[in-house]
Each structure stands twice: as structure tokens, then as C-alpha cells.
Amino acid sequence: KPNEMRLLKARALEAKGDTHDALAEYENLIPVFAGLEARARYGLLLQQAGHTRQAQDVFSDLLAHARRFNITLESEQDWIRLARQNVVR
């Protein structure tokens, strides 16, 4: 699956400390990735890189997306919880 490979690439870039390229890969992946994992990981990396406002926007968008599409899959619940824990209200 091409998008799964792209997610793996973003995670590998992140793991080796290539934050700039990892952020770019996550950002390009979000519109085409089925599921919330890419959004959540992108938000976490933004936060880690000190882009707090942008990370907050990503987490808020993730939660809005989950509500809009009534995402109830168990496999997505960890990403929803992660976003809730990291969004500032």
C-alpha cells in the first residue's frame, strides 16, 4: 500500500532526526491517508519541534474530522485520545 509506505518513510525520517523532511512527508500524506495516524503523528512532531500553534490546529482538526465522520473504529480511538490529551482548550 503506497500510503502505508509513505507513513513508514515519514516515521523513519522522524526517527533519524530529519524533522524538516518528516514534517513535509506527514503534511503531504494527511490529505490522502485513510485514518488518523498521520495527522496525530504530524501534530506530535510539530509540538516536539516547537510549532505549538500549528500542532494545536492539527489536533483540533483531527478531532473535528473524527466528529464530522463519526469515526468509531477501535483502531482510531488511540489517535483521538492522543489529540484530546494534547489540544489546549
Protein backbone atom coordinates (compact mmCIF):
# COMPACT_ATOMS: atom_id res chain seq x y z
CA LYS A 1 0.00 0.00 0.00
CA PRO A 2 1.69 3.20 -1.16
CA ASN A 3 0.34 5.43 1.61
CA GLU A 4 1.38 2.97 4.30
CA MET A 5 4.89 3.09 2.82
CA ARG A 6 4.81 6.88 2.89
CA LEU A 7 3.81 6.80 6.56
CA LEU A 8 6.69 4.43 7.26
CA LYS A 9 9.04 6.79 5.41
CA ALA A 10 7.85 9.76 7.50
CA ARG A 11 8.34 7.77 10.69
CA ALA A 12 11.84 6.71 9.60
CA LEU A 13 12.79 10.31 8.80
CA GLU A 14 11.47 11.34 12.20
CA ALA A 15 13.40 8.57 13.95
CA LYS A 16 16.67 9.59 12.34
CA GLY A 17 16.11 13.21 13.39
CA ASP A 18 15.25 14.63 9.98
CA THR A 19 12.40 16.73 11.35
CA HIS A 20 12.05 19.04 8.35
CA ASP A 21 11.61 16.22 5.82
CA ALA A 22 9.44 14.18 8.19
CA LEU A 23 7.10 17.14 8.70
CA ALA A 24 6.88 17.64 4.93
CA GLU A 25 6.11 13.95 4.38
CA TYR A 26 3.38 13.93 7.06
CA GLU A 27 1.87 17.14 5.71
CA ASN A 28 1.68 15.73 2.17
CA LEU A 29 0.32 12.43 3.44
CA ILE A 30 -2.57 13.76 5.53
CA PRO A 31 -4.95 14.55 2.64
CA VAL A 32 -4.65 11.04 1.18
CA PHE A 33 -4.07 8.81 4.21
CA ALA A 34 -7.05 6.76 5.37
CA GLY A 35 -7.12 7.07 9.12
CA LEU A 36 -5.97 9.46 11.80
CA GLU A 37 -2.45 8.19 12.50
CA ALA A 38 -0.64 10.51 10.06
CA ARG A 39 -2.47 13.57 11.48
CA ALA A 40 -1.70 12.58 15.05
CA ARG A 41 1.97 11.89 14.37
CA TYR A 42 2.25 15.16 12.45
CA GLY A 43 0.78 17.06 15.39
CA LEU A 44 3.14 15.40 17.84
CA LEU A 45 6.18 16.17 15.71
CA LEU A 46 5.10 19.78 15.25
CA GLN A 47 4.71 20.07 19.01
CA GLN A 48 8.11 18.49 19.61
CA ALA A 49 9.67 20.89 17.10
CA GLY A 50 8.23 23.88 18.97
CA HIS A 51 5.47 24.69 16.47
CA THR A 52 2.86 24.76 19.23
CA ARG A 53 0.15 26.80 17.49
CA GLN A 54 0.32 24.70 14.33
CA ALA A 55 0.25 21.49 16.41
CA GLN A 56 -2.86 22.73 18.19
CA ASP A 57 -4.52 23.35 14.85
CA VAL A 58 -3.67 19.82 13.69
CA PHE A 59 -5.06 18.25 16.87
CA SER A 60 -8.23 20.38 16.68
CA ASP A 61 -8.68 19.45 13.01
CA LEU A 62 -8.20 15.77 13.84
CA LEU A 63 -10.93 15.93 16.47
CA ALA A 64 -13.27 17.84 14.15
CA HIS A 65 -12.63 15.28 11.40
CA ALA A 66 -13.37 12.41 13.79
CA ARG A 67 -16.65 14.06 14.84
CA ARG A 68 -17.70 15.01 11.30
CA PHE A 69 -17.20 11.47 10.01
CA ASN A 70 -18.36 9.82 13.24
CA ILE A 71 -15.18 7.76 13.50
CA THR A 72 -15.82 4.99 15.98
CA LEU A 73 -13.35 2.34 14.85
CA GLU A 74 -11.45 0.96 17.81
CA SER A 75 -8.19 1.23 15.87
CA GLU A 76 -8.66 5.03 15.62
CA GLN A 77 -9.58 5.66 19.27
CA ASP A 78 -5.95 5.91 20.46
CA TRP A 79 -5.31 8.72 17.97
CA ILE A 80 -8.47 10.54 19.07
CA ARG A 81 -7.46 10.21 22.74
CA LEU A 82 -3.96 11.43 21.92
CA ALA A 83 -5.37 14.52 20.19
CA ARG A 84 -7.72 15.22 23.12
CA GLN A 85 -4.81 14.98 25.55
CA ASN A 86 -2.69 17.39 23.52
CA VAL A 87 -5.21 20.03 22.48
CA VAL A 88 -5.35 23.11 24.69
CA ARG A 89 -8.84 24.33 25.41
